[in-house]
Amino acid sequence: MKRPYELGFIIPSSVNEADTQEVIAQVQEWVENLDGTVTNVDVWGRRRLAYPIDDFREGYYVFFKMDYPPQNVNELERILRLSDRVIRHLVVRLDEE
Protein backbone atom coordinates (compact mmCIF):
# COMPACT_ATOMS: atom_id res chain seq x y z
CA MET A 1 0.00 0.00 0.00
CA LYS A 2 1.41 3.37 -1.01
CA ARG A 3 0.99 6.51 1.05
CA PRO A 4 1.46 10.18 0.08
CA TYR A 5 4.87 11.63 0.96
CA GLU A 6 6.82 14.76 0.22
CA LEU A 7 10.57 14.65 -0.36
CA GLY A 8 12.55 17.87 -0.14
CA PHE A 9 16.23 17.91 -0.99
CA ILE A 10 19.01 20.41 -1.61
CA ILE A 11 21.54 20.04 -4.42
CA PRO A 12 24.86 21.77 -3.60
CA SER A 13 25.78 24.93 -5.48
CA SER A 14 28.95 23.22 -6.75
CA VAL A 15 26.74 21.32 -9.22
CA ASN A 16 26.27 23.59 -12.23
CA GLU A 17 22.77 24.52 -13.33
CA ALA A 18 22.86 22.27 -16.39
CA ASP A 19 23.56 19.21 -14.23
CA THR A 20 20.78 19.92 -11.71
CA GLN A 21 18.22 18.36 -14.08
CA GLU A 22 20.40 15.26 -14.21
CA VAL A 23 20.47 15.07 -10.39
CA ILE A 24 16.68 15.56 -10.20
CA ALA A 25 16.20 12.76 -12.75
CA GLN A 26 18.55 10.51 -10.75
CA VAL A 27 16.62 11.06 -7.50
CA GLN A 28 13.35 10.44 -9.33
CA GLU A 29 14.80 7.19 -10.69
CA TRP A 30 15.75 6.11 -7.14
CA VAL A 31 12.16 6.74 -6.02
CA GLU A 32 10.74 4.75 -8.93
CA ASN A 33 13.21 1.87 -8.46
CA LEU A 34 11.89 1.45 -4.91
CA ASP A 35 8.26 1.12 -6.14
CA GLY A 36 7.37 4.79 -5.67
CA THR A 37 5.61 7.19 -8.02
CA VAL A 38 6.50 10.88 -8.31
CA THR A 39 3.28 12.84 -8.79
CA ASN A 40 4.66 16.40 -8.76
CA VAL A 41 8.09 18.03 -9.07
CA ASP A 42 8.52 21.55 -7.70
CA VAL A 43 11.91 23.16 -8.39
CA TRP A 44 12.47 26.28 -6.31
CA GLY A 45 15.85 26.97 -7.86
CA ARG A 46 18.98 28.38 -6.30
CA ARG A 47 18.47 29.83 -2.81
CA ARG A 48 20.65 30.98 0.04
CA LEU A 49 20.83 28.46 2.87
CA ALA A 50 19.80 29.51 6.38
CA TYR A 51 23.20 28.31 7.64
CA PRO A 52 26.32 26.88 5.96
CA ILE A 53 26.20 23.15 5.22
CA ASP A 54 29.55 21.54 4.35
CA ASP A 55 30.93 25.00 3.41
CA PHE A 56 28.03 25.66 1.01
CA ARG A 57 26.04 28.85 1.41
CA GLU A 58 23.65 28.25 -1.52
CA GLY A 59 21.85 25.27 -2.99
CA TYR A 60 19.12 24.21 -5.40
CA TYR A 61 15.88 23.36 -3.60
CA VAL A 62 13.68 20.61 -5.10
CA PHE A 63 10.47 19.09 -3.74
CA PHE A 64 8.73 15.90 -4.89
CA LYS A 65 5.21 14.85 -4.01
CA MET A 66 5.08 11.10 -4.32
CA ASP A 67 3.10 7.98 -3.56
CA TYR A 68 5.52 5.70 -1.78
CA PRO A 69 5.48 2.41 0.16
CA PRO A 70 6.30 3.10 3.85
CA GLN A 71 8.60 0.08 4.12
CA ASN A 72 10.99 1.60 1.54
CA VAL A 73 11.44 5.04 3.16
CA ASN A 74 14.52 3.97 5.14
CA GLU A 75 16.21 2.64 2.01
CA LEU A 76 15.52 5.88 0.09
CA GLU A 77 16.93 7.94 2.95
CA ARG A 78 20.03 5.72 3.03
CA ILE A 79 20.61 6.28 -0.70
CA LEU A 80 20.15 10.05 -0.32
CA ARG A 81 22.56 10.17 2.63
CA LEU A 82 25.23 8.36 0.60
CA SER A 83 24.86 10.66 -2.42
CA ASP A 84 27.45 13.42 -2.78
CA ARG A 85 25.02 15.41 -4.93
CA VAL A 86 22.40 15.88 -2.19
CA ILE A 87 23.52 17.83 0.89
CA ARG A 88 20.23 17.71 2.82
CA HIS A 89 16.94 15.87 2.46
CA LEU A 90 13.69 15.41 4.35
CA VAL A 91 10.92 12.86 3.76
CA VAL A 92 7.55 13.76 5.29
CA ARG A 93 4.36 11.69 5.23
CA LEU A 94 1.41 13.82 4.15
CA ASP A 95 -2.11 13.50 5.52
CA GLU A 96 -4.36 11.34 3.42
CA GLU A 97 -7.37 13.13 2.03
PDB file of N, CA and C in Angstrom:
ATOM      1  N   MET A   1       0.843  -1.187   0.000  1.00  0.00           N
ATOM      2  CA  MET A   1       0.000   0.000   0.000  1.00  0.00           C
ATOM      3  C   MET A   1       0.885   1.246   0.000  1.00  0.00           C
ATOM      4  N   LYS A   2       0.635   2.136  -0.915  1.00  0.00           N
ATOM      5  CA  LYS A   2       1.411   3.368  -1.015  1.00  0.00           C
ATOM      6  C   LYS A   2       0.707   4.492  -0.262  1.00  0.00           C
ATOM      7  N   ARG A   3       1.504   5.353   0.310  1.00  0.00           N
ATOM      8  CA  ARG A   3       0.994   6.509   1.048  1.00  0.00           C
ATOM      9  C   ARG A   3       1.586   7.788   0.440  1.00  0.00           C
ATOM     10  N   PRO A   4       0.914   8.925   0.633  1.00  0.00           N
ATOM     11  CA  PRO A   4       1.457  10.180   0.082  1.00  0.00           C
ATOM     12  C   PRO A   4       2.609  10.711   0.945  1.00  0.00           C
ATOM     13  N   TYR A   5       3.699  11.059   0.298  1.00  0.00           N
ATOM     14  CA  TYR A   5       4.875  11.630   0.955  1.00  0.00           C
ATOM     15  C   TYR A   5       5.338  12.847   0.190  1.00  0.00           C
ATOM     16  N   GLU A   6       6.112  13.667   0.877  1.00  0.00           N
ATOM     17  CA  GLU A   6       6.816  14.764   0.218  1.00  0.00           C
ATOM     18  C   GLU A   6       8.298  14.600   0.527  1.00  0.00           C
ATOM     19  N   LEU A   7       9.117  14.714  -0.500  1.00  0.00           N
ATOM     20  CA  LEU A   7      10.567  14.645  -0.360  1.00  0.00           C
ATOM     21  C   LEU A   7      11.132  15.998  -0.757  1.00  0.00           C
ATOM     22  N   GLY A   8      11.837  16.627   0.157  1.00  0.00           N
ATOM     23  CA  GLY A   8      12.545  17.866  -0.138  1.00  0.00           C
ATOM     24  C   GLY A   8      14.034  17.599  -0.064  1.00  0.00           C
ATOM     25  N   PHE A   9      14.782  18.084  -1.039  1.00  0.00           N
ATOM     26  CA  PHE A   9      16.230  17.905  -0.988  1.00  0.00           C
ATOM     27  C   PHE A   9      16.934  19.117  -1.582  1.00  0.00           C
ATOM     28  N   ILE A  10      18.202  19.277  -1.178  1.00  0.00           N
ATOM     29  CA  ILE A  10      19.005  20.412  -1.615  1.00  0.00           C
ATOM     30  C   ILE A  10      20.217  19.878  -2.372  1.00  0.00           C
ATOM     31  N   ILE A  11      20.386  20.371  -3.592  1.00  0.00           N
ATOM     32  CA  ILE A  11      21.539  20.036  -4.421  1.00  0.00           C
ATOM     33  C   ILE A  11      22.587  21.113  -4.166  1.00  0.00           C
ATOM     34  N   PRO A  12      23.853  20.749  -3.904  1.00  0.00           N
ATOM     35  CA  PRO A  12      24.861  21.772  -3.596  1.00  0.00           C
ATOM     36  C   PRO A  12      25.110  22.714  -4.765  1.00  0.00           C
ATOM     37  N   SER A  13      25.539  23.921  -4.443  1.00  0.00           N
ATOM     38  CA  SER A  13      25.777  24.926  -5.479  1.00  0.00           C
ATOM     39  C   SER A  13      26.997  24.595  -6.342  1.00  0.00           C
ATOM     40  N   SER A  14      27.805  23.623  -5.927  1.00  0.00           N
ATOM     41  CA  SER A  14      28.955  23.223  -6.748  1.00  0.00           C
ATOM     42  C   SER A  14      28.529  22.482  -8.015  1.00  0.00           C
ATOM     43  N   VAL A  15      27.302  21.957  -8.022  1.00  0.00           N
ATOM     44  CA  VAL A  15      26.741  21.318  -9.220  1.00  0.00           C
ATOM     45  C   VAL A  15      26.226  22.443 -10.114  1.00  0.00           C
ATOM     46  N   ASN A  16      26.703  22.491 -11.363  1.00  0.00           N
ATOM     47  CA  ASN A  16      26.271  23.594 -12.230  1.00  0.00           C
ATOM     48  C   ASN A  16      24.799  23.424 -12.618  1.00  0.00           C
ATOM     49  N   GLU A  17      24.214  24.510 -13.073  1.00  0.00           N
ATOM     50  CA  GLU A  17      22.772  24.522 -13.333  1.00  0.00           C
ATOM     51  C   GLU A  17      22.345  23.517 -14.387  1.00  0.00           C
ATOM     52  N   ALA A  18      23.203  23.237 -15.345  1.00  0.00           N
ATOM     53  CA  ALA A  18      22.860  22.269 -16.391  1.00  0.00           C
ATOM     54  C   ALA A  18      22.754  20.855 -15.820  1.00  0.00           C
ATOM     55  N   ASP A  19      23.562  20.554 -14.812  1.00  0.00           N
ATOM     56  CA  ASP A  19      23.559  19.211 -14.228  1.00  0.00           C
ATOM     57  C   ASP A  19      22.481  19.014 -13.159  1.00  0.00           C
ATOM     58  N   THR A  20      21.817  20.085 -12.732  1.00  0.00           N
ATOM     59  CA  THR A  20      20.778  19.917 -11.715  1.00  0.00           C
ATOM     60  C   THR A  20      19.630  19.059 -12.229  1.00  0.00           C
ATOM     61  N   GLN A  21      19.283  19.197 -13.513  1.00  0.00           N
ATOM     62  CA  GLN A  21      18.222  18.360 -14.075  1.00  0.00           C
ATOM     63  C   GLN A  21      18.618  16.886 -14.059  1.00  0.00           C
ATOM     64  N   GLU A  22      19.893  16.632 -14.261  1.00  0.00           N
ATOM     65  CA  GLU A  22      20.399  15.260 -14.207  1.00  0.00           C
ATOM     66  C   GLU A  22      20.275  14.690 -12.783  1.00  0.00           C
ATOM     67  N   VAL A  23      20.588  15.510 -11.786  1.00  0.00           N
ATOM     68  CA  VAL A  23      20.468  15.068 -10.386  1.00  0.00           C
ATOM     69  C   VAL A  23      19.002  14.830 -10.031  1.00  0.00           C
ATOM     70  N   ILE A  24      18.116  15.718 -10.467  1.00  0.00           N
ATOM     71  CA  ILE A  24      16.684  15.559 -10.204  1.00  0.00           C
ATOM     72  C   ILE A  24      16.183  14.269 -10.844  1.00  0.00           C
ATOM     73  N   ALA A  25      16.597  13.995 -12.075  1.00  0.00           N
ATOM     74  CA  ALA A  25      16.197  12.760 -12.751  1.00  0.00           C
ATOM     75  C   ALA A  25      16.743  11.533 -12.020  1.00  0.00           C
ATOM     76  N   GLN A  26      17.957  11.630 -11.480  1.00  0.00           N
ATOM     77  CA  GLN A  26      18.553  10.512 -10.751  1.00  0.00           C
ATOM     78  C   GLN A  26      17.766  10.216  -9.472  1.00  0.00           C
ATOM     79  N   VAL A  27      17.401  11.253  -8.733  1.00  0.00           N
ATOM     80  CA  VAL A  27      16.623  11.057  -7.501  1.00  0.00           C
ATOM     81  C   VAL A  27      15.246  10.485  -7.840  1.00  0.00           C
ATOM     82  N   GLN A  28      14.636  10.971  -8.909  1.00  0.00           N
ATOM     83  CA  GLN A  28      13.347  10.436  -9.331  1.00  0.00           C
ATOM     84  C   GLN A  28      13.474   8.966  -9.707  1.00  0.00           C
ATOM     85  N   GLU A  29      14.566   8.593 -10.342  1.00  0.00           N
ATOM     86  CA  GLU A  29      14.797   7.194 -10.694  1.00  0.00           C
ATOM     87  C   GLU A  29      14.947   6.333  -9.436  1.00  0.00           C
ATOM     88  N   TRP A  30      15.620   6.861  -8.402  1.00  0.00           N
ATOM     89  CA  TRP A  30      15.748   6.114  -7.144  1.00  0.00           C
ATOM     90  C   TRP A  30      14.380   5.866  -6.527  1.00  0.00           C
ATOM     91  N   VAL A  31      13.516   6.886  -6.563  1.00  0.00           N
ATOM     92  CA  VAL A  31      12.165   6.735  -6.017  1.00  0.00           C
ATOM     93  C   VAL A  31      11.406   5.659  -6.783  1.00  0.00           C
ATOM     94  N   GLU A  32      11.479   5.699  -8.102  1.00  0.00           N
ATOM     95  CA  GLU A  32      10.737   4.746  -8.931  1.00  0.00           C
ATOM     96  C   GLU A  32      11.304   3.330  -8.829  1.00  0.00           C
ATOM     97  N   ASN A  33      12.610   3.187  -8.625  1.00  0.00           N
ATOM     98  CA  ASN A  33      13.208   1.865  -8.460  1.00  0.00           C
ATOM     99  C   ASN A  33      12.784   1.198  -7.158  1.00  0.00           C
ATOM    100  N   LEU A  34      12.356   1.996  -6.188  1.00  0.00           N
ATOM    101  CA  LEU A  34      11.889   1.455  -4.914  1.00  0.00           C
ATOM    102  C   LEU A  34      10.355   1.437  -4.854  1.00  0.00           C
ATOM    103  N   ASP A  35       9.713   1.274  -6.003  1.00  0.00           N
ATOM    104  CA  ASP A  35       8.257   1.122  -6.138  1.00  0.00           C
ATOM    105  C   ASP A  35       7.467   2.378  -5.812  1.00  0.00           C
ATOM    106  N   GLY A  36       8.082   3.548  -5.912  1.00  0.00           N
ATOM    107  CA  GLY A  36       7.369   4.794  -5.672  1.00  0.00           C
ATOM    108  C   GLY A  36       6.945   5.439  -6.978  1.00  0.00           C
ATOM    109  N   THR A  37       6.083   6.437  -6.868  1.00  0.00           N
ATOM    110  CA  THR A  37       5.607   7.195  -8.024  1.00  0.00           C
ATOM    111  C   THR A  37       5.691   8.681  -7.698  1.00  0.00           C
ATOM    112  N   VAL A  38       6.421   9.432  -8.500  1.00  0.00           N
ATOM    113  CA  VAL A  38       6.502  10.884  -8.312  1.00  0.00           C
ATOM    114  C   VAL A  38       5.297  11.512  -9.000  1.00  0.00           C
ATOM    115  N   THR A  39       4.490  12.242  -8.233  1.00  0.00           N
ATOM    116  CA  THR A  39       3.280  12.841  -8.788  1.00  0.00           C
ATOM    117  C   THR A  39       3.455  14.320  -9.126  1.00  0.00           C
ATOM    118  N   ASN A  40       4.440  14.981  -8.497  1.00  0.00           N
ATOM    119  CA  ASN A  40       4.657  16.398  -8.765  1.00  0.00           C
ATOM    120  C   ASN A  40       6.104  16.744  -8.445  1.00  0.00           C
ATOM    121  N   VAL A  41       6.723  17.546  -9.297  1.00  0.00           N
ATOM    122  CA  VAL A  41       8.086  18.031  -9.068  1.00  0.00           C
ATOM    123  C   VAL A  41       8.021  19.550  -8.994  1.00  0.00           C
ATOM    124  N   ASP A  42       8.517  20.109  -7.895  1.00  0.00           N
ATOM    125  CA  ASP A  42       8.520  21.555  -7.699  1.00  0.00           C
ATOM    126  C   ASP A  42       9.962  22.006  -7.486  1.00  0.00           C
ATOM    127  N   VAL A  43      10.526  22.691  -8.477  1.00  0.00           N
ATOM    128  CA  VAL A  43      11.908  23.163  -8.395  1.00  0.00           C
ATOM    129  C   VAL A  43      11.880  24.626  -7.971  1.00  0.00           C
ATOM    130  N   TRP A  44      12.420  24.905  -6.805  1.00  0.00           N
ATOM    131  CA  TRP A  44      12.468  26.277  -6.315  1.00  0.00           C
ATOM    132  C   TRP A  44      13.660  27.035  -6.880  1.00  0.00           C
ATOM    133  N   GLY A  45      14.667  26.322  -7.312  1.00  0.00           N
ATOM    134  CA  GLY A  45      15.849  26.968  -7.865  1.00  0.00           C
ATOM    135  C   GLY A  45      16.903  27.241  -6.801  1.00  0.00           C
ATOM    136  N   ARG A  46      17.837  28.080  -7.173  1.00  0.00           N
ATOM    137  CA  ARG A  46      18.976  28.379  -6.295  1.00  0.00           C
ATOM    138  C   ARG A  46      18.557  29.363  -5.206  1.00  0.00           C
ATOM    139  N   ARG A  47      18.820  28.991  -3.958  1.00  0.00           N
ATOM    140  CA  ARG A  47      18.470  29.829  -2.808  1.00  0.00           C
ATOM    141  C   ARG A  47      19.626  29.857  -1.818  1.00  0.00           C
ATOM    142  N   ARG A  48      19.656  30.879  -1.043  1.00  0.00           N
ATOM    143  CA  ARG A  48      20.646  30.977   0.036  1.00  0.00           C
ATOM    144  C   ARG A  48      20.196  30.086   1.191  1.00  0.00           C
ATOM    145  N   LEU A  49      21.136  29.336   1.741  1.00  0.00           N
ATOM    146  CA  LEU A  49      20.830  28.462   2.870  1.00  0.00           C
ATOM    147  C   LEU A  49      20.731  29.288   4.158  1.00  0.00           C
ATOM    148  N   ALA A  50      19.953  28.810   5.105  1.00  0.00           N
ATOM    149  CA  ALA A  50      19.802  29.506   6.379  1.00  0.00           C
ATOM    150  C   ALA A  50      21.109  29.488   7.173  1.00  0.00           C
ATOM    151  N   TYR A  51      21.900  28.436   6.984  1.00  0.00           N
ATOM    152  CA  TYR A  51      23.198  28.313   7.644  1.00  0.00           C
ATOM    153  C   TYR A  51      24.103  27.477   6.734  1.00  0.00           C
ATOM    154  N   PRO A  52      25.420  27.644   6.839  1.00  0.00           N
ATOM    155  CA  PRO A  52      26.319  26.880   5.959  1.00  0.00           C
ATOM    156  C   PRO A  52      26.222  25.378   6.217  1.00  0.00           C
ATOM    157  N   ILE A  53      26.196  24.611   5.148  1.00  0.00           N
ATOM    158  CA  ILE A  53      26.197  23.150   5.220  1.00  0.00           C
ATOM    159  C   ILE A  53      27.391  22.681   4.390  1.00  0.00           C
ATOM    160  N   ASP A  54      28.348  22.029   5.039  1.00  0.00           N
ATOM    161  CA  ASP A  54      29.553  21.542   4.354  1.00  0.00           C
ATOM    162  C   ASP A  54      30.209  22.643   3.516  1.00  0.00           C
ATOM    163  N   ASP A  55      30.326  23.821   4.060  1.00  0.00           N
ATOM    164  CA  ASP A  55      30.932  24.996   3.412  1.00  0.00           C
ATOM    165  C   ASP A  55      30.133  25.538   2.238  1.00  0.00           C
ATOM    166  N   PHE A  56      28.897  25.103   2.059  1.00  0.00           N
ATOM    167  CA  PHE A  56      28.027  25.656   1.015  1.00  0.00           C
ATOM    168  C   PHE A  56      27.111  26.697   1.633  1.00  0.00           C
ATOM    169  N   ARG A  57      26.939  27.802   0.941  1.00  0.00           N
ATOM    170  CA  ARG A  57      26.039  28.854   1.411  1.00  0.00           C
ATOM    171  C   ARG A  57      24.788  28.953   0.536  1.00  0.00           C
ATOM    172  N   GLU A  58      24.803  28.262  -0.619  1.00  0.00           N
ATOM    173  CA  GLU A  58      23.653  28.249  -1.524  1.00  0.00           C
ATOM    174  C   GLU A  58      23.419  26.838  -2.016  1.00  0.00           C
ATOM    175  N   GLY A  59      22.172  26.573  -2.438  1.00  0.00           N
ATOM    176  CA  GLY A  59      21.846  25.273  -2.991  1.00  0.00           C
ATOM    177  C   GLY A  59      20.576  25.356  -3.816  1.00  0.00           C
ATOM    178  N   TYR A  60      20.323  24.303  -4.580  1.00  0.00           N
ATOM    179  CA  TYR A  60      19.120  24.210  -5.402  1.00  0.00           C
ATOM    180  C   TYR A  60      18.079  23.397  -4.641  1.00  0.00           C
ATOM    181  N   TYR A  61      16.949  24.015  -4.360  1.00  0.00           N
ATOM    182  CA  TYR A  61      15.885  23.360  -3.605  1.00  0.00           C
ATOM    183  C   TYR A  61      14.926  22.664  -4.566  1.00  0.00           C
ATOM    184  N   VAL A  62      14.599  21.398  -4.269  1.00  0.00           N
ATOM    185  CA  VAL A  62      13.684  20.615  -5.096  1.00  0.00           C
ATOM    186  C   VAL A  62      12.742  19.854  -4.166  1.00  0.00           C
ATOM    187  N   PHE A  63      11.470  19.811  -4.523  1.00  0.00           N
ATOM    188  CA  PHE A  63      10.465  19.086  -3.741  1.00  0.00           C
ATOM    189  C   PHE A  63       9.693  18.134  -4.644  1.00  0.00           C
ATOM    190  N   PHE A  64       9.542  16.898  -4.198  1.00  0.00           N
ATOM    191  CA  PHE A  64       8.730  15.896  -4.886  1.00  0.00           C
ATOM    192  C   PHE A  64       7.519  15.593  -4.030  1.00  0.00           C
ATOM    193  N   LYS A  65       6.360  15.504  -4.646  1.00  0.00           N
ATOM    194  CA  LYS A  65       5.212  14.852  -4.012  1.00  0.00           C
ATOM    195  C   LYS A  65       5.179  13.468  -4.631  1.00  0.00           C
ATOM    196  N   MET A  66       4.991  12.462  -3.794  1.00  0.00           N
ATOM    197  CA  MET A  66       5.077  11.099  -4.315  1.00  0.00           C
ATOM    198  C   MET A  66       4.179  10.162  -3.537  1.00  0.00           C
ATOM    199  N   ASP A  67       3.788   9.094  -4.208  1.00  0.00           N
ATOM    200  CA  ASP A  67       3.103   7.978  -3.563  1.00  0.00           C
ATOM    201  C   ASP A  67       4.174   6.923  -3.363  1.00  0.00           C
ATOM    202  N   TYR A  68       4.353   6.504  -2.116  1.00  0.00           N
ATOM    203  CA  TYR A  68       5.515   5.698  -1.784  1.00  0.00           C
ATOM    204  C   TYR A  68       5.177   4.647  -0.735  1.00  0.00           C
ATOM    205  N   PRO A  69       5.719   3.433  -0.862  1.00  0.00           N
ATOM    206  CA  PRO A  69       5.479   2.412   0.157  1.00  0.00           C
ATOM    207  C   PRO A  69       6.273   2.722   1.429  1.00  0.00           C
ATOM    208  N   PRO A  70       5.622   2.727   2.590  1.00  0.00           N
ATOM    209  CA  PRO A  70       6.302   3.102   3.845  1.00  0.00           C
ATOM    210  C   PRO A  70       7.511   2.232   4.173  1.00  0.00           C
ATOM    211  N   GLN A  71       7.494   0.973   3.783  1.00  0.00           N
ATOM    212  CA  GLN A  71       8.600   0.081   4.123  1.00  0.00           C
ATOM    213  C   GLN A  71       9.883   0.415   3.364  1.00  0.00           C
ATOM    214  N   ASN A  72       9.803   1.256   2.332  1.00  0.00           N
ATOM    215  CA  ASN A  72      10.985   1.602   1.539  1.00  0.00           C
ATOM    216  C   ASN A  72      11.567   2.976   1.883  1.00  0.00           C
ATOM    217  N   VAL A  73      10.973   3.689   2.829  1.00  0.00           N
ATOM    218  CA  VAL A  73      11.444   5.038   3.159  1.00  0.00           C
ATOM    219  C   VAL A  73      12.871   5.000   3.705  1.00  0.00           C
ATOM    220  N   ASN A  74      13.172   4.051   4.572  1.00  0.00           N
ATOM    221  CA  ASN A  74      14.522   3.975   5.141  1.00  0.00           C
ATOM    222  C   ASN A  74      15.567   3.735   4.062  1.00  0.00           C
ATOM    223  N   GLU A  75      15.266   2.911   3.091  1.00  0.00           N
ATOM    224  CA  GLU A  75      16.214   2.641   2.008  1.00  0.00           C
ATOM    225  C   GLU A  75      16.435   3.889   1.149  1.00  0.00           C
ATOM    226  N   LEU A  76      15.373   4.638   0.851  1.00  0.00           N
ATOM    227  CA  LEU A  76      15.516   5.875   0.088  1.00  0.00           C
ATOM    228  C   LEU A  76      16.370   6.877   0.853  1.00  0.00           C
ATOM    229  N   GLU A  77      16.129   7.022   2.150  1.00  0.00           N
ATOM    230  CA  GLU A  77      16.928   7.944   2.954  1.00  0.00           C
ATOM    231  C   GLU A  77      18.386   7.512   3.001  1.00  0.00           C
ATOM    232  N   ARG A  78      18.660   6.220   3.042  1.00  0.00           N
ATOM    233  CA  ARG A  78      20.027   5.717   3.034  1.00  0.00           C
ATOM    234  C   ARG A  78      20.730   6.112   1.733  1.00  0.00           C
ATOM    235  N   ILE A  79      20.041   5.928   0.605  1.00  0.00           N
ATOM    236  CA  ILE A  79      20.614   6.278  -0.695  1.00  0.00           C
ATOM    237  C   ILE A  79      20.894   7.781  -0.774  1.00  0.00           C
ATOM    238  N   LEU A  80      19.961   8.600  -0.288  1.00  0.00           N
ATOM    239  CA  LEU A  80      20.146  10.053  -0.320  1.00  0.00           C
ATOM    240  C   LEU A  80      21.301  10.486   0.577  1.00  0.00           C
ATOM    241  N   ARG A  81      21.453   9.844   1.734  1.00  0.00           N
ATOM    242  CA  ARG A  81      22.563  10.167   2.630  1.00  0.00           C
ATOM    243  C   ARG A  81      23.914   9.853   1.995  1.00  0.00           C
ATOM    244  N   LEU A  82      23.978   8.780   1.218  1.00  0.00           N
ATOM    245  CA  LEU A  82      25.234   8.363   0.597  1.00  0.00           C
ATOM    246  C   LEU A  82      25.588   9.186  -0.640  1.00  0.00           C
ATOM    247  N   SER A  83      24.624   9.886  -1.200  1.00  0.00           N
ATOM    248  CA  SER A  83      24.862  10.657  -2.416  1.00  0.00           C
ATOM    249  C   SER A  83      25.680  11.907  -2.103  1.00  0.00           C
ATOM    250  N   ASP A  84      26.674  12.192  -2.951  1.00  0.00           N
ATOM    251  CA  ASP A  84      27.455  13.415  -2.779  1.00  0.00           C
ATOM    252  C   ASP A  84      26.817  14.598  -3.520  1.00  0.00           C
ATOM    253  N   ARG A  85      25.706  14.354  -4.191  1.00  0.00           N
ATOM    254  CA  ARG A  85      25.021  15.415  -4.932  1.00  0.00           C
ATOM    255  C   ARG A  85      23.749  15.892  -4.232  1.00  0.00           C
ATOM    256  N   VAL A  86      23.520  15.417  -3.019  1.00  0.00           N
ATOM    257  CA  VAL A  86      22.403  15.882  -2.185  1.00  0.00           C
ATOM    258  C   VAL A  86      22.991  16.193  -0.817  1.00  0.00           C
ATOM    259  N   ILE A  87      22.908  17.482  -0.387  1.00  0.00           N
ATOM    260  CA  ILE A  87      23.522  17.828   0.895  1.00  0.00           C
ATOM    261  C   ILE A  87      22.540  17.754   2.059  1.00  0.00           C
ATOM    262  N   ARG A  88      21.251  17.874   1.786  1.00  0.00           N
ATOM    263  CA  ARG A  88      20.230  17.710   2.825  1.00  0.00           C
ATOM    264  C   ARG A  88      18.972  17.161   2.172  1.00  0.00           C
ATOM    265  N   HIS A  89      18.217  16.385   2.946  1.00  0.00           N
ATOM    266  CA  HIS A  89      16.940  15.868   2.457  1.00  0.00           C
ATOM    267  C   HIS A  89      16.002  15.683   3.640  1.00  0.00           C
ATOM    268  N   LEU A  90      14.709  15.645   3.334  1.00  0.00           N
ATOM    269  CA  LEU A  90      13.690  15.408   4.349  1.00  0.00           C
ATOM    270  C   LEU A  90      12.505  14.720   3.674  1.00  0.00           C
ATOM    271  N   VAL A  91      12.091  13.585   4.243  1.00  0.00           N
ATOM    272  CA  VAL A  91      10.920  12.860   3.755  1.00  0.00           C
ATOM    273  C   VAL A  91       9.826  13.015   4.805  1.00  0.00           C
ATOM    274  N   VAL A  92       8.665  13.513   4.388  1.00  0.00           N
ATOM    275  CA  VAL A  92       7.547  13.756   5.294  1.00  0.00           C
ATOM    276  C   VAL A  92       6.312  13.051   4.758  1.00  0.00           C
ATOM    277  N   ARG A  93       5.624  12.328   5.635  1.00  0.00           N
ATOM    278  CA  ARG A  93       4.362  11.691   5.230  1.00  0.00           C
ATOM    279  C   ARG A  93       3.255  12.739   5.302  1.00  0.00           C
ATOM    280  N   LEU A  94       2.498  12.852   4.223  1.00  0.00           N
ATOM    281  CA  LEU A  94       1.407  13.825   4.147  1.00  0.00           C
ATOM    282  C   LEU A  94       0.124  13.178   4.656  1.00  0.00           C
ATOM    283  N   ASP A  95      -0.803  14.002   5.098  1.00  0.00           N
ATOM    284  CA  ASP A  95      -2.110  13.504   5.522  1.00  0.00           C
ATOM    285  C   ASP A  95      -2.877  12.987   4.316  1.00  0.00           C
ATOM    286  N   GLU A  96      -3.545  11.875   4.504  1.00  0.00           N
ATOM    287  CA  GLU A  96      -4.362  11.336   3.420  1.00  0.00           C
ATOM    288  C   GLU A  96      -5.679  12.090   3.380  1.00  0.00           C
ATOM    289  N   GLU A  97      -6.128  12.351   2.187  1.00  0.00           N
ATOM    290  CA  GLU A  97      -7.373  13.132   2.035  1.00  0.00           C
ATOM    291  C   GLU A  97      -8.568  12.253   1.887  1.00  0.00           C
TER     292      GLU A  97
END
